Amino acid sequence: MFFAGIGLALIIAFILTLILGRGFKQFAYADLIGLFFIIFLATWAGGLWIQPVGPAMWGVSFTVFIVVGVLVALMVAATLPTPSHRKAHPPPTGGPIDRIHQESFLNVFVVMIILTLIAAIIYRLMQTP
């Protein structure tokens, strides 16, 4: 079940990252890698923590993994700026320094999310069934 869960989460995260990457073409590869890790870890953690529903193959319920992956991808996509939104609103008056502080805050926030998801996965795997 361990490897089947990882494999399923990887496949779902890869497909959803491709879909989001095609929809938002202004992404750099580094952004897509971060997006992939967030979707992958959230899908895997959700698959471990949520009660299995639906058919199971190789000890893994596909339904839970797919639903969690799609919900996380939709939440991430809802927060992404569109190219027309970037052009319509000029950057803040503070200049490039404020933009650097904002980007560093977002990087720290993404790292905190990733570490929290890793901790949730490790905690669940360490629990005795």
C-alpha atoms as a PDB file:
ATOM      1  CA  MET A   1       0.000   0.000   0.000  1.00  0.00           C
ATOM      2  CA  PHE A   2       2.880   2.359   0.742  1.00  0.00           C
ATOM      3  CA  PHE A   3       4.346   2.306  -2.765  1.00  0.00           C
ATOM      4  CA  ALA A   4       0.938   2.204  -4.431  1.00  0.00           C
ATOM      5  CA  GLY A   5      -0.067   5.364  -2.538  1.00  0.00           C
ATOM      6  CA  ILE A   6       3.116   7.172  -3.502  1.00  0.00           C
ATOM      7  CA  GLY A   7       2.784   6.097  -7.130  1.00  0.00           C
ATOM      8  CA  LEU A   8      -0.844   7.154  -7.347  1.00  0.00           C
ATOM      9  CA  ALA A   9      -0.094  10.526  -5.717  1.00  0.00           C
ATOM     10  CA  LEU A  10       2.807  11.068  -8.150  1.00  0.00           C
ATOM     11  CA  ILE A  11       0.652  10.298 -11.188  1.00  0.00           C
ATOM     12  CA  ILE A  12      -2.199  12.534 -10.036  1.00  0.00           C
ATOM     13  CA  ALA A  13       0.160  15.385  -9.129  1.00  0.00           C
ATOM     14  CA  PHE A  14       1.960  15.113 -12.473  1.00  0.00           C
ATOM     15  CA  ILE A  15      -1.280  15.213 -14.466  1.00  0.00           C
ATOM     16  CA  LEU A  16      -2.705  18.139 -12.467  1.00  0.00           C
ATOM     17  CA  THR A  17       0.575  20.071 -12.715  1.00  0.00           C
ATOM     18  CA  LEU A  18       0.559  19.603 -16.486  1.00  0.00           C
ATOM     19  CA  ILE A  19      -3.018  20.868 -16.674  1.00  0.00           C
ATOM     20  CA  LEU A  20      -2.278  23.927 -14.525  1.00  0.00           C
ATOM     21  CA  GLY A  21       0.986  24.574 -16.359  1.00  0.00           C
ATOM     22  CA  ARG A  22      -0.815  24.633 -19.708  1.00  0.00           C
ATOM     23  CA  GLY A  23      -3.557  26.878 -18.336  1.00  0.00           C
ATOM     24  CA  PHE A  24      -1.167  29.397 -16.787  1.00  0.00           C
ATOM     25  CA  LYS A  25       1.613  29.708 -19.348  1.00  0.00           C
ATOM     26  CA  GLN A  26       3.534  32.418 -17.479  1.00  0.00           C
ATOM     27  CA  PHE A  27       5.003  29.843 -15.047  1.00  0.00           C
ATOM     28  CA  ALA A  28       8.721  29.214 -14.873  1.00  0.00           C
ATOM     29  CA  TYR A  29       9.926  25.654 -14.360  1.00  0.00           C
ATOM     30  CA  ALA A  30      10.795  26.415 -10.734  1.00  0.00           C
ATOM     31  CA  ASP A  31       7.186  27.469 -10.100  1.00  0.00           C
ATOM     32  CA  LEU A  32       5.907  24.242 -11.643  1.00  0.00           C
ATOM     33  CA  ILE A  33       8.240  22.146  -9.498  1.00  0.00           C
ATOM     34  CA  GLY A  34       6.981  23.848  -6.343  1.00  0.00           C
ATOM     35  CA  LEU A  35       3.407  23.429  -7.519  1.00  0.00           C
ATOM     36  CA  PHE A  36       4.064  19.745  -8.211  1.00  0.00           C
ATOM     37  CA  PHE A  37       5.479  19.158  -4.719  1.00  0.00           C
ATOM     38  CA  ILE A  38       2.554  20.872  -3.024  1.00  0.00           C
ATOM     39  CA  ILE A  39      -0.025  18.905  -5.020  1.00  0.00           C
ATOM     40  CA  PHE A  40       1.916  15.639  -4.573  1.00  0.00           C
ATOM     41  CA  LEU A  41       2.374  15.976  -0.817  1.00  0.00           C
ATOM     42  CA  ALA A  42      -1.194  17.184  -0.240  1.00  0.00           C
ATOM     43  CA  THR A  43      -2.589  14.324  -2.329  1.00  0.00           C
ATOM     44  CA  TRP A  44      -0.488  11.754  -0.500  1.00  0.00           C
ATOM     45  CA  ALA A  45      -1.312  13.194   2.940  1.00  0.00           C
ATOM     46  CA  GLY A  46      -5.014  13.361   2.106  1.00  0.00           C
ATOM     47  CA  GLY A  47      -4.958   9.795   0.846  1.00  0.00           C
ATOM     48  CA  LEU A  48      -3.363   8.660   4.094  1.00  0.00           C
ATOM     49  CA  TRP A  49      -5.555  10.638   6.467  1.00  0.00           C
ATOM     50  CA  ILE A  50      -9.023  10.501   4.893  1.00  0.00           C
ATOM     51  CA  GLN A  51     -11.178   7.412   5.342  1.00  0.00           C
ATOM     52  CA  PRO A  52     -11.042   5.332   2.125  1.00  0.00           C
ATOM     53  CA  VAL A  53     -14.145   5.572  -0.045  1.00  0.00           C
ATOM     54  CA  GLY A  54     -14.922   3.777  -3.273  1.00  0.00           C
ATOM     55  CA  PRO A  55     -13.138   0.967  -5.059  1.00  0.00           C
ATOM     56  CA  ALA A  56      -9.652  -0.036  -3.991  1.00  0.00           C
ATOM     57  CA  MET A  57      -6.839  -1.492  -6.060  1.00  0.00           C
ATOM     58  CA  TRP A  58      -3.593  -2.670  -4.499  1.00  0.00           C
ATOM     59  CA  GLY A  59      -4.908  -1.523  -1.108  1.00  0.00           C
ATOM     60  CA  VAL A  60      -5.406   2.096  -2.187  1.00  0.00           C
ATOM     61  CA  SER A  61      -8.684   3.928  -2.688  1.00  0.00           C
ATOM     62  CA  PHE A  62      -8.317   5.890  -5.917  1.00  0.00           C
ATOM     63  CA  THR A  63     -11.305   8.124  -5.208  1.00  0.00           C
ATOM     64  CA  VAL A  64      -9.796   9.808  -2.156  1.00  0.00           C
ATOM     65  CA  PHE A  65      -6.499  10.547  -3.870  1.00  0.00           C
ATOM     66  CA  ILE A  66      -8.192  11.997  -6.956  1.00  0.00           C
ATOM     67  CA  VAL A  67     -10.622  14.179  -4.984  1.00  0.00           C
ATOM     68  CA  VAL A  68      -7.915  15.561  -2.692  1.00  0.00           C
ATOM     69  CA  GLY A  69      -5.572  16.223  -5.626  1.00  0.00           C
ATOM     70  CA  VAL A  70      -8.227  18.040  -7.641  1.00  0.00           C
ATOM     71  CA  LEU A  71      -9.353  20.133  -4.645  1.00  0.00           C
ATOM     72  CA  VAL A  72      -5.788  21.193  -3.821  1.00  0.00           C
ATOM     73  CA  ALA A  73      -5.089  22.002  -7.476  1.00  0.00           C
ATOM     74  CA  LEU A  74      -8.260  24.103  -7.662  1.00  0.00           C
ATOM     75  CA  MET A  75      -7.349  25.984  -4.483  1.00  0.00           C
ATOM     76  CA  VAL A  76      -3.865  26.696  -5.799  1.00  0.00           C
ATOM     77  CA  ALA A  77      -5.218  27.744  -9.202  1.00  0.00           C
ATOM     78  CA  ALA A  78      -7.681  30.115  -7.541  1.00  0.00           C
ATOM     79  CA  THR A  79      -4.819  32.022  -5.913  1.00  0.00           C
ATOM     80  CA  LEU A  80      -2.682  32.379  -9.048  1.00  0.00           C
ATOM     81  CA  PRO A  81      -2.703  35.704 -10.871  1.00  0.00           C
ATOM     82  CA  THR A  82      -3.721  35.671 -14.500  1.00  0.00           C
ATOM     83  CA  PRO A  83      -1.575  37.455 -17.110  1.00  0.00           C
ATOM     84  CA  SER A  84      -4.333  40.040 -17.776  1.00  0.00           C
ATOM     85  CA  HIS A  85      -4.571  40.776 -14.053  1.00  0.00           C
ATOM     86  CA  ARG A  86      -0.827  41.444 -13.894  1.00  0.00           C
ATOM     87  CA  LYS A  87      -1.016  43.922 -16.772  1.00  0.00           C
ATOM     88  CA  ALA A  88      -4.147  45.705 -15.579  1.00  0.00           C
ATOM     89  CA  HIS A  89      -2.765  46.559 -12.143  1.00  0.00           C
ATOM     90  CA  PRO A  90       0.652  48.203 -11.895  1.00  0.00           C
ATOM     91  CA  PRO A  91       3.041  46.995  -9.195  1.00  0.00           C
ATOM     92  CA  PRO A  92       2.819  48.635  -5.765  1.00  0.00           C
ATOM     93  CA  THR A  93       4.400  52.055  -5.390  1.00  0.00           C
ATOM     94  CA  GLY A  94       7.046  50.713  -3.022  1.00  0.00           C
ATOM     95  CA  GLY A  95       9.219  49.528  -5.881  1.00  0.00           C
ATOM     96  CA  PRO A  96      11.275  46.379  -6.348  1.00  0.00           C
ATOM     97  CA  ILE A  97      12.280  46.085  -2.680  1.00  0.00           C
ATOM     98  CA  ASP A  98       8.657  45.554  -1.600  1.00  0.00           C
ATOM     99  CA  ARG A  99       8.264  42.940  -4.338  1.00  0.00           C
ATOM    100  CA  ILE A 100      11.331  41.092  -3.013  1.00  0.00           C
ATOM    101  CA  HIS A 101       9.877  41.060   0.511  1.00  0.00           C
ATOM    102  CA  GLN A 102       6.546  39.809  -0.801  1.00  0.00           C
ATOM    103  CA  GLU A 103       8.193  37.030  -2.822  1.00  0.00           C
ATOM    104  CA  SER A 104      10.382  35.961   0.121  1.00  0.00           C
ATOM    105  CA  PHE A 105       7.269  35.784   2.326  1.00  0.00           C
ATOM    106  CA  LEU A 106       5.551  33.578  -0.249  1.00  0.00           C
ATOM    107  CA  ASN A 107       8.623  31.333  -0.457  1.00  0.00           C
ATOM    108  CA  VAL A 108       8.669  30.936   3.325  1.00  0.00           C
ATOM    109  CA  PHE A 109       4.935  30.221   3.293  1.00  0.00           C
ATOM    110  CA  VAL A 110       5.332  27.526   0.616  1.00  0.00           C
ATOM    111  CA  VAL A 111       8.200  25.929   2.540  1.00  0.00           C
ATOM    112  CA  MET A 112       6.058  25.921   5.702  1.00  0.00           C
ATOM    113  CA  ILE A 113       3.213  24.219   3.837  1.00  0.00           C
ATOM    114  CA  ILE A 114       5.571  21.585   2.423  1.00  0.00           C
ATOM    115  CA  LEU A 115       7.142  20.892   5.844  1.00  0.00           C
ATOM    116  CA  THR A 116       3.708  20.624   7.465  1.00  0.00           C
ATOM    117  CA  LEU A 117       2.550  18.148   4.827  1.00  0.00           C
ATOM    118  CA  ILE A 118       5.729  16.079   5.263  1.00  0.00           C
ATOM    119  CA  ALA A 119       5.204  16.061   9.040  1.00  0.00           C
ATOM    120  CA  ALA A 120       1.584  14.934   8.598  1.00  0.00           C
ATOM    121  CA  ILE A 121       2.669  12.109   6.281  1.00  0.00           C
ATOM    122  CA  ILE A 122       5.436  10.929   8.619  1.00  0.00           C
ATOM    123  CA  TYR A 123       3.136  11.086  11.644  1.00  0.00           C
ATOM    124  CA  ARG A 124       0.470   9.017   9.878  1.00  0.00           C
ATOM    125  CA  LEU A 125       2.986   6.434   8.654  1.00  0.00           C
ATOM    126  CA  MET A 126       4.437   6.043  12.156  1.00  0.00           C
ATOM    127  CA  GLN A 127       1.042   5.279  13.702  1.00  0.00           C
ATOM    128  CA  THR A 128       0.292   1.644  14.312  1.00  0.00           C
ATOM    129  CA  PRO A 129      -2.777   0.380  12.450  1.00  0.00           C
END
